[in-house]
Amino acid sequence: MSEDEKMILAHEPVPGYPKIFAFVLVIAIIHLGFIFLRSLF
């Protein structure tokens, strides 16, 4: 393959993925906060 050629990895977007990712992220932050608060007391 020469340097002029580019490989493209494309896929169709998954509907609903950003909402699920945000939900899991919020749950993870709350969980870590809970663990941190328990370690203080």
C-alpha atoms as a PDB file:
ATOM      1  CA  MET A   1       0.000   0.000   0.000  1.00  0.00           C
ATOM      2  CA  SER A   2       1.360   3.402  -0.899  1.00  0.00           C
ATOM      3  CA  GLU A   3       1.294   6.448   1.355  1.00  0.00           C
ATOM      4  CA  ASP A   4      -1.409   8.050  -0.825  1.00  0.00           C
ATOM      5  CA  GLU A   5      -3.948   5.341  -0.061  1.00  0.00           C
ATOM      6  CA  LYS A   6      -6.088   5.717   3.051  1.00  0.00           C
ATOM      7  CA  MET A   7      -7.944   2.928   4.769  1.00  0.00           C
ATOM      8  CA  ILE A   8     -11.382   3.924   5.997  1.00  0.00           C
ATOM      9  CA  LEU A   9     -13.136   2.055   8.787  1.00  0.00           C
ATOM     10  CA  ALA A  10     -16.775   3.082   8.582  1.00  0.00           C
ATOM     11  CA  HIS A  11     -19.867   1.824  10.389  1.00  0.00           C
ATOM     12  CA  GLU A  12     -23.462   2.837  10.809  1.00  0.00           C
ATOM     13  CA  PRO A  13     -24.172   4.789  14.005  1.00  0.00           C
ATOM     14  CA  VAL A  14     -26.018   2.851  16.696  1.00  0.00           C
ATOM     15  CA  PRO A  15     -29.234   4.622  17.720  1.00  0.00           C
ATOM     16  CA  GLY A  16     -29.530   5.263  21.446  1.00  0.00           C
ATOM     17  CA  TYR A  17     -25.851   4.722  22.169  1.00  0.00           C
ATOM     18  CA  PRO A  18     -25.125   8.281  23.449  1.00  0.00           C
ATOM     19  CA  LYS A  19     -28.037   8.065  25.932  1.00  0.00           C
ATOM     20  CA  ILE A  20     -26.881   4.695  27.276  1.00  0.00           C
ATOM     21  CA  PHE A  21     -23.279   5.912  27.510  1.00  0.00           C
ATOM     22  CA  ALA A  22     -24.339   9.040  29.440  1.00  0.00           C
ATOM     23  CA  PHE A  23     -26.500   6.948  31.800  1.00  0.00           C
ATOM     24  CA  VAL A  24     -23.669   4.508  32.556  1.00  0.00           C
ATOM     25  CA  LEU A  25     -21.244   7.395  33.035  1.00  0.00           C
ATOM     26  CA  VAL A  26     -23.563   9.090  35.568  1.00  0.00           C
ATOM     27  CA  ILE A  27     -24.027   5.816  37.463  1.00  0.00           C
ATOM     28  CA  ALA A  28     -20.235   5.286  37.543  1.00  0.00           C
ATOM     29  CA  ILE A  29     -19.606   8.815  38.871  1.00  0.00           C
ATOM     30  CA  ILE A  30     -22.260   8.401  41.584  1.00  0.00           C
ATOM     31  CA  HIS A  31     -20.781   5.025  42.554  1.00  0.00           C
ATOM     32  CA  LEU A  32     -17.246   6.406  42.790  1.00  0.00           C
ATOM     33  CA  GLY A  33     -18.520   9.371  44.813  1.00  0.00           C
ATOM     34  CA  PHE A  34     -20.262   6.990  47.199  1.00  0.00           C
ATOM     35  CA  ILE A  35     -17.076   4.954  47.638  1.00  0.00           C
ATOM     36  CA  PHE A  36     -15.091   8.142  48.245  1.00  0.00           C
ATOM     37  CA  LEU A  37     -17.557   9.415  50.864  1.00  0.00           C
ATOM     38  CA  ARG A  38     -17.554   6.048  52.666  1.00  0.00           C
ATOM     39  CA  SER A  39     -13.773   6.157  52.856  1.00  0.00           C
ATOM     40  CA  LEU A  40     -13.906   9.504  54.676  1.00  0.00           C
ATOM     41  CA  PHE A  41     -16.147   8.338  57.526  1.00  0.00           C
END
